Protein backbone atom coordinates (compact mmCIF):
# COMPACT_ATOMS: atom_id res chain seq x y z
CA UNK A 1 9.10 -23.33 -67.17
CA UNK A 2 10.27 -20.14 -65.46
CA UNK A 3 7.00 -18.58 -65.67
CA UNK A 4 5.13 -21.37 -64.51
CA UNK A 5 7.37 -21.53 -61.41
CA UNK A 6 6.79 -17.74 -60.82
CA UNK A 7 2.98 -18.55 -60.83
CA UNK A 8 3.45 -21.39 -58.41
CA UNK A 9 5.64 -19.21 -56.28
CA UNK A 10 3.17 -16.39 -56.28
CA UNK A 11 0.16 -18.72 -55.45
CA UNK A 12 2.24 -20.35 -52.47
CA UNK A 13 2.84 -16.81 -51.40
CA UNK A 14 -0.84 -15.91 -51.63
CA UNK A 15 -1.66 -18.89 -49.66
CA UNK A 16 0.71 -18.06 -46.76
CA UNK A 17 -0.63 -14.55 -46.56
CA UNK A 18 -4.21 -15.85 -46.45
CA UNK A 19 -5.77 -17.41 -43.57
CA UNK A 20 -9.61 -18.27 -43.98
CA UNK A 21 -10.05 -15.84 -46.77
CA UNK A 22 -8.35 -12.95 -44.84
CA UNK A 23 -4.97 -11.50 -45.06
CA UNK A 24 -2.37 -12.72 -42.42
CA UNK A 25 -2.03 -9.70 -39.89
CA UNK A 26 0.78 -8.84 -37.55
CA UNK A 27 0.58 -6.67 -34.53
CA UNK A 28 3.94 -5.17 -33.47
CA UNK A 29 4.55 -4.40 -29.89
CA UNK A 30 7.16 -2.34 -28.09
CA UNK A 31 7.33 -3.14 -24.38
CA UNK A 32 9.59 -3.59 -21.32
CA UNK A 33 11.69 -6.52 -21.02
CA UNK A 34 10.35 -9.51 -18.75
CA UNK A 35 6.83 -7.46 -18.80
CA UNK A 36 4.37 -8.84 -21.35
CA UNK A 37 3.42 -12.63 -20.29
CA UNK A 38 4.33 -14.82 -23.02
CA UNK A 39 1.18 -16.95 -22.36
CA UNK A 40 -0.96 -13.93 -23.02
CA UNK A 41 0.60 -13.33 -26.51
CA UNK A 42 0.08 -16.87 -27.37
CA UNK A 43 -3.63 -16.83 -26.18
CA UNK A 44 -4.21 -13.49 -28.34
CA UNK A 45 -2.87 -15.33 -31.30
CA UNK A 46 -4.86 -18.18 -31.00
CA UNK A 47 -8.08 -16.28 -30.31
CA UNK A 48 -7.65 -13.84 -33.14
CA UNK A 49 -5.23 -15.31 -35.98
CA UNK A 50 -2.91 -12.03 -35.62
CA UNK A 51 0.80 -12.81 -35.27
CA UNK A 52 2.55 -10.78 -32.51
CA UNK A 53 5.95 -9.49 -32.82
CA UNK A 54 7.67 -7.98 -29.62
CA UNK A 55 10.65 -5.66 -29.33
CA UNK A 56 11.83 -4.81 -25.54
CA UNK A 57 13.58 -2.13 -24.07
CA UNK A 58 15.08 -1.45 -20.53
CA UNK A 59 14.77 2.32 -19.98
CA UNK A 60 12.27 5.27 -20.65
CA UNK A 61 14.38 6.83 -23.30
CA UNK A 62 14.38 3.64 -25.44
CA UNK A 63 10.69 3.54 -24.84
CA UNK A 64 9.94 6.94 -26.25
CA UNK A 65 12.49 7.25 -29.11
CA UNK A 66 10.54 5.26 -31.52
CA UNK A 67 7.32 7.07 -30.97
CA UNK A 68 9.05 10.69 -31.35
CA UNK A 69 9.59 9.85 -34.92
CA UNK A 70 5.99 9.69 -35.63
CA UNK A 71 6.32 6.74 -37.77
CA UNK A 72 7.49 3.83 -35.35
CA UNK A 73 5.97 1.07 -37.14
CA UNK A 74 4.68 -0.18 -33.70
CA UNK A 75 0.88 -0.81 -32.97
CA UNK A 76 1.03 -0.88 -29.25
CA UNK A 77 3.24 0.80 -26.72
CA UNK A 78 3.56 0.82 -22.88
CA UNK A 79 4.78 4.19 -21.63
CA UNK A 80 4.50 5.67 -18.22
CA UNK A 81 1.35 7.55 -17.44
CA UNK A 82 3.20 10.95 -17.18
CA UNK A 83 4.43 10.66 -20.80
CA UNK A 84 0.86 10.58 -22.31
CA UNK A 85 -0.03 14.26 -21.96
CA UNK A 86 2.95 15.35 -23.77
CA UNK A 87 3.02 12.59 -26.44
CA UNK A 88 -0.62 13.31 -27.21
CA UNK A 89 -0.03 17.31 -27.31
CA UNK A 90 2.86 16.50 -30.04
CA UNK A 91 0.56 14.33 -32.08
CA UNK A 92 2.52 11.20 -31.47
CA UNK A 93 -0.45 8.99 -30.32
CA UNK A 94 -3.62 7.56 -31.98
CA UNK A 95 -6.87 8.32 -30.49
CA UNK A 96 -8.39 5.18 -29.21
CA UNK A 97 -11.65 6.21 -27.04
CA UNK A 98 -10.51 3.72 -24.36
CA UNK A 99 -14.03 4.03 -22.84
CA UNK A 100 -15.76 2.77 -25.68
CA UNK A 101 -13.73 -0.68 -25.86
CA UNK A 102 -15.58 -3.70 -24.93
CA UNK A 103 -13.98 -4.33 -21.66
CA UNK A 104 -13.05 -0.88 -20.38
CA UNK A 105 -15.73 -1.20 -17.81
CA UNK A 106 -13.77 -3.60 -15.91
CA UNK A 107 -11.13 -0.85 -15.09
CA UNK A 108 -11.56 0.31 -11.51
CA UNK A 109 -13.01 3.86 -11.23
CA UNK A 110 -9.79 5.45 -9.63
CA UNK A 111 -7.68 4.77 -12.57
CA UNK A 112 -9.99 5.94 -15.29
CA UNK A 113 -10.29 9.86 -16.52
CA UNK A 114 -7.02 10.70 -14.95
CA UNK A 115 -5.47 14.23 -15.36
CA UNK A 116 -3.12 13.27 -18.17
CA UNK A 117 -6.00 11.68 -20.09
CA UNK A 118 -9.16 13.00 -18.67
CA UNK A 119 -11.48 11.85 -21.56
CA UNK A 120 -9.57 8.22 -21.83
CA UNK A 121 -8.70 9.28 -25.44
CA UNK A 122 -5.14 7.95 -25.52
CA UNK A 123 -4.35 5.25 -22.81
CA UNK A 124 -5.67 2.32 -21.26
CA UNK A 125 -4.39 1.68 -17.57
CA UNK A 126 -2.10 -1.49 -17.52
CA UNK A 127 -0.17 -1.87 -14.14
CA UNK A 128 1.08 0.23 -11.25
CA UNK A 129 3.65 -0.01 -8.78
CA UNK A 130 6.15 1.57 -6.30
CA UNK A 131 9.64 2.60 -6.28
CA UNK A 132 11.68 1.74 -3.13
CA UNK A 133 14.60 -0.57 -2.16
CA UNK A 134 15.21 -4.00 -0.62
CA UNK A 135 17.24 -4.84 2.21
CA UNK A 136 18.62 -8.21 3.21
CA UNK A 137 17.57 -8.37 6.82
CA UNK A 138 19.65 -11.20 7.56
CA UNK A 139 22.79 -8.97 6.88
CA UNK A 140 21.40 -5.54 8.29
CA UNK A 141 19.43 -5.59 11.69
CA UNK A 142 18.29 -1.92 11.72
CA UNK A 143 15.36 0.05 10.76
CA UNK A 144 14.93 -0.28 6.88
CA UNK A 145 11.87 2.06 6.43
CA UNK A 146 13.86 5.16 6.03
CA UNK A 147 15.57 6.93 2.74
CA UNK A 148 18.43 7.75 5.10
CA UNK A 149 19.50 3.98 4.84
CA UNK A 150 20.10 4.63 0.93
CA UNK A 151 21.11 8.15 0.92
CA UNK A 152 23.22 8.28 4.18
CA UNK A 153 23.97 4.79 4.92
CA UNK A 154 26.16 3.27 7.73
CA UNK A 155 29.74 2.51 6.92
CA UNK A 156 29.09 -1.37 6.54
CA UNK A 157 26.60 -0.93 3.74
CA UNK A 158 28.49 1.65 1.72
CA UNK A 159 30.31 -0.72 -0.32
CA UNK A 160 27.04 -3.15 -0.73
CA UNK A 161 24.44 -0.93 -2.49
CA UNK A 162 23.17 -1.08 -6.11
CA UNK A 163 21.23 1.85 -7.62
CA UNK A 164 18.75 1.60 -10.54
CA UNK A 165 18.99 3.04 -13.80
CA UNK A 166 15.60 4.73 -13.67
CA UNK A 167 16.03 8.37 -13.95
CA UNK A 168 13.22 10.15 -12.62
CA UNK A 169 12.67 7.47 -9.53
CA UNK A 170 16.34 8.00 -8.43
CA UNK A 171 16.00 11.81 -9.01
CA UNK A 172 12.54 12.15 -7.12
CA UNK A 173 13.68 9.81 -4.30
CA UNK A 174 16.76 11.98 -3.79
CA UNK A 175 14.48 15.15 -3.60
CA UNK A 176 12.01 13.58 -1.22
CA UNK A 177 15.01 12.66 0.99
CA UNK A 178 16.15 16.27 0.73
CA UNK A 179 12.90 17.60 1.69
CA UNK A 180 12.30 19.40 -1.85
CA UNK A 181 9.35 19.31 -4.13
CA UNK A 182 9.58 16.13 -5.93
CA UNK A 183 8.49 17.46 -9.22
CA UNK A 184 10.86 20.39 -9.06
CA UNK A 185 13.38 20.97 -11.89
CA UNK A 186 14.62 24.38 -10.60
CA UNK A 187 18.30 24.65 -11.03
CA UNK A 188 19.02 25.02 -7.48
CA UNK A 189 16.93 22.13 -6.62
CA UNK A 190 18.63 20.09 -9.15
CA UNK A 191 22.09 21.08 -7.80
CA UNK A 192 21.32 19.85 -4.63
CA UNK A 193 20.18 16.59 -6.12
CA UNK A 194 23.44 16.49 -7.74
CA UNK A 195 25.65 16.72 -4.85
CA UNK A 196 23.85 13.94 -3.28
CA UNK A 197 23.73 11.59 -6.39
CA UNK A 198 26.79 12.22 -8.26
CA UNK A 199 29.09 10.69 -5.57
CA UNK A 200 26.73 7.59 -5.28
CA UNK A 201 27.03 7.17 -9.01
CA UNK A 202 30.66 7.15 -8.76
CA UNK A 203 30.70 4.59 -5.86
CA UNK A 204 27.93 2.39 -6.50
CA UNK A 205 26.92 -0.22 -9.33
CA UNK A 206 23.87 0.78 -11.48
CA UNK A 207 22.55 -2.46 -12.97
CA UNK A 208 20.22 -2.41 -16.02
CA UNK A 209 16.49 -2.81 -15.52
CA UNK A 210 16.63 -6.18 -16.88
CA UNK A 211 19.56 -7.05 -14.53
CA UNK A 212 17.92 -5.72 -11.13
CA UNK A 213 16.51 -9.01 -10.12
CA UNK A 214 19.94 -10.64 -10.50
CA UNK A 215 21.54 -7.63 -8.51
CA UNK A 216 18.94 -8.23 -5.66
CA UNK A 217 19.70 -12.03 -5.52
CA UNK A 218 23.51 -11.24 -5.63
CA UNK A 219 24.58 -11.82 -1.88
CA UNK A 220 27.43 -9.19 -2.35
CA UNK A 221 24.62 -6.62 -2.35
CA UNK A 222 22.59 -5.82 0.96
CA UNK A 223 20.48 -2.94 -0.37
CA UNK A 224 19.25 -2.52 -3.88
CA UNK A 225 16.93 0.14 -5.39
CA UNK A 226 14.07 -1.57 -7.37
CA UNK A 227 10.55 -1.36 -8.35
CA UNK A 228 8.15 -3.50 -6.28
CA UNK A 229 7.57 -6.19 -8.69
CA UNK A 230 10.89 -7.01 -9.40
CA UNK A 231 11.60 -6.93 -5.52
CA UNK A 232 8.99 -9.75 -5.28
CA UNK A 233 10.68 -12.01 -7.82
CA UNK A 234 14.01 -11.49 -5.89
CA UNK A 235 12.55 -12.16 -2.59
CA UNK A 236 11.16 -15.57 -3.92
CA UNK A 237 14.84 -16.41 -4.85
CA UNK A 238 16.44 -14.70 -1.59
CA UNK A 239 13.85 -14.80 1.35
CA UNK A 240 15.90 -12.71 3.76
CA UNK A 241 15.04 -9.53 1.32
CA UNK A 242 12.55 -7.08 2.63
CA UNK A 243 11.14 -4.44 0.60
CA UNK A 244 11.21 -0.88 2.38
CA UNK A 245 8.40 1.69 2.63
CA UNK A 246 10.43 4.80 3.76
CA UNK A 247 8.35 7.06 6.03
CA UNK A 248 9.63 9.93 4.05
CA UNK A 249 7.71 8.90 1.23
CA UNK A 250 8.01 6.43 -1.74
CA UNK A 251 6.93 6.81 -5.28
CA UNK A 252 3.99 5.50 -7.00
CA UNK A 253 3.94 5.03 -10.80
CA UNK A 254 1.84 3.42 -13.27
CA UNK A 255 2.21 2.32 -16.80
CA UNK A 256 -0.53 2.45 -19.63
CA UNK A 257 -0.98 1.15 -23.01
CA UNK A 258 -1.45 3.31 -25.98
CA UNK A 259 -1.35 3.04 -29.93
CA UNK A 260 1.41 5.22 -31.67
CA UNK A 261 0.60 7.58 -34.26
CA UNK A 262 0.43 5.93 -37.63
CA UNK A 263 0.18 2.44 -36.20
CA UNK A 264 0.01 -0.20 -39.17
CA UNK A 265 -2.65 -2.30 -37.36
CA UNK A 266 -4.62 0.00 -35.39
CA UNK A 267 -7.78 -2.29 -35.69
CA UNK A 268 -6.04 -5.14 -34.09
CA UNK A 269 -4.24 -2.87 -31.44
CA UNK A 270 -7.65 -1.98 -30.26
CA UNK A 271 -8.69 -5.59 -30.13
CA UNK A 272 -5.36 -6.19 -27.98
CA UNK A 273 -6.13 -3.31 -25.62
CA UNK A 274 -9.60 -4.75 -24.86
CA UNK A 275 -8.29 -8.21 -24.42
CA UNK A 276 -5.75 -7.08 -22.00
CA UNK A 277 -8.76 -5.50 -19.78
CA UNK A 278 -10.27 -8.91 -19.26
CA UNK A 279 -10.03 -9.90 -15.55
CA UNK A 280 -8.49 -13.24 -16.29
CA UNK A 281 -5.89 -11.67 -18.76
CA UNK A 282 -4.98 -8.91 -16.25
CA UNK A 283 -4.38 -11.47 -13.77
CA UNK A 284 -2.00 -13.48 -15.98
CA UNK A 285 -0.06 -10.43 -16.80
CA UNK A 286 0.31 -9.67 -13.00
CA UNK A 287 1.08 -13.22 -12.01
CA UNK A 288 3.97 -12.95 -14.76
CA UNK A 289 5.44 -9.49 -14.14
CA UNK A 290 4.61 -9.15 -10.48
CA UNK A 291 2.70 -5.83 -10.64
CA UNK A 292 -0.71 -5.03 -9.49
CA UNK A 293 -3.19 -4.01 -12.17
CA UNK A 294 -6.25 -1.92 -12.26
CA UNK A 295 -8.78 -4.35 -13.27
CA UNK A 296 -11.70 -5.50 -11.11
CA UNK A 297 -12.29 -9.12 -10.78
CA UNK A 298 -8.76 -9.83 -11.52
CA UNK A 299 -7.87 -10.99 -8.11
CA UNK A 300 -9.99 -14.20 -8.33
CA UNK A 301 -7.61 -15.32 -11.02
CA UNK A 302 -4.21 -14.19 -9.38
CA UNK A 303 -1.85 -16.21 -7.77
CA UNK A 304 -1.98 -16.26 -4.02
CA UNK A 305 1.65 -15.20 -3.41
CA UNK A 306 0.89 -12.08 -5.41
CA UNK A 307 -2.31 -11.15 -3.77
CA UNK A 308 -0.69 -11.31 -0.36
CA UNK A 309 2.73 -10.13 -1.11
CA UNK A 310 4.16 -7.29 1.08
CA UNK A 311 5.83 -5.71 -1.85
CA UNK A 312 2.45 -5.24 -3.42
CA UNK A 313 -0.01 -4.65 -0.54
CA UNK A 314 1.12 -1.21 0.41
CA UNK A 315 0.73 -0.66 4.38
CA UNK A 316 -1.75 1.67 5.43
CA UNK A 317 1.07 3.78 7.33
CA UNK A 318 2.91 4.39 3.91
CA UNK A 319 3.10 7.87 2.73
CA UNK A 320 2.82 6.94 -0.93
CA UNK A 321 0.85 9.17 -3.22
CA UNK A 322 -1.37 7.55 -5.52
CA UNK A 323 -2.97 8.49 -8.80
CA UNK A 324 -0.73 11.49 -9.07
CA UNK A 325 1.88 12.72 -11.57
CA UNK A 326 3.88 15.75 -12.22
CA UNK A 327 2.03 17.96 -14.56
CA UNK A 328 4.95 20.12 -15.71
CA UNK A 329 6.73 17.38 -17.45
CA UNK A 330 9.35 17.23 -14.80
CA UNK A 331 9.74 13.50 -15.16
CA UNK A 332 11.15 13.70 -18.50
CA UNK A 333 13.34 16.55 -17.53
CA UNK A 334 14.53 14.56 -14.49
CA UNK A 335 15.34 11.58 -16.87
CA UNK A 336 17.50 13.81 -18.86
CA UNK A 337 19.25 15.26 -15.47
CA UNK A 338 19.95 11.72 -14.66
CA UNK A 339 21.75 10.72 -17.91
CA UNK A 340 23.81 13.69 -17.71
CA UNK A 341 24.76 12.68 -14.15
CA UNK A 342 25.65 9.18 -15.34
CA UNK A 343 28.03 10.57 -17.96
CA UNK A 344 29.78 12.88 -15.42
CA UNK A 345 30.18 9.59 -13.09
CA UNK A 346 31.65 7.71 -16.25
CA UNK A 347 28.78 5.27 -16.16
CA UNK A 348 27.41 3.93 -19.48
């Protein structure tokens, strides 16, 4: 009786693990909170028969930590562009030959073969955005397009500001304001940044990335540092918010998709990467997370609010620097520096 039960159990297990004569497969994705559109995940599962498991993070340190073990167990990850060169050099990414994937030809030319991945070996472009801040223009009537409003605010704003827990963004914005090279990690340069940022960390709230939209919607705040996609989401809930484009310069960033070293399901990871480069899928992702993508033809499928959003449409007068990143890995060192500043300020 017990042996017969075991045989039935094994047969049932085999049935569960088999779909149409093939083993059931799982794709494990490591991504940002509130970033990957659930409808896309469901669509991929329906089209491929592959189940998708998602784990999320809210900061770059947690994004990188599993990858640095060399056996993360993940099949897809969403690092920043500037992480790629270092991760590849350390053997922590699989080669994916992105330009051989079926839908790579949809990628806009300017976003291909960038300096951190010139042969498109390790990454697929995903979304891009800017780092700035929002201001409630019903409560503050002055000029918002200057970093001085953040780093040297008028007295009536000082108690109503929230920073963003994104290390290199905050450090580089401070360096731009100070007239220093944004990619610098020289001790004297960082000392100037610390003198500016540490008192701010001691004075202001630093909500986590997944709480930044709520911070912008909170009417106790007048100015909040944010990424532009989150700023768009917040404005739809608090219409008097405006996203600033500081004349001193604001930061442009891009995220990519990659396959970690030793990915258990590389074959389906490559299918997912190609799937995400279809224009209608790239549009669905942008409609969900509020960021611009790099896929030609996606605009035909995007929500009108996104296509015309001032947070997304960078003005011609903006001094944003597109397609660039720091080639000395300073972003990662600036993240470590920011973490140290937070500890000094008694922030978690």
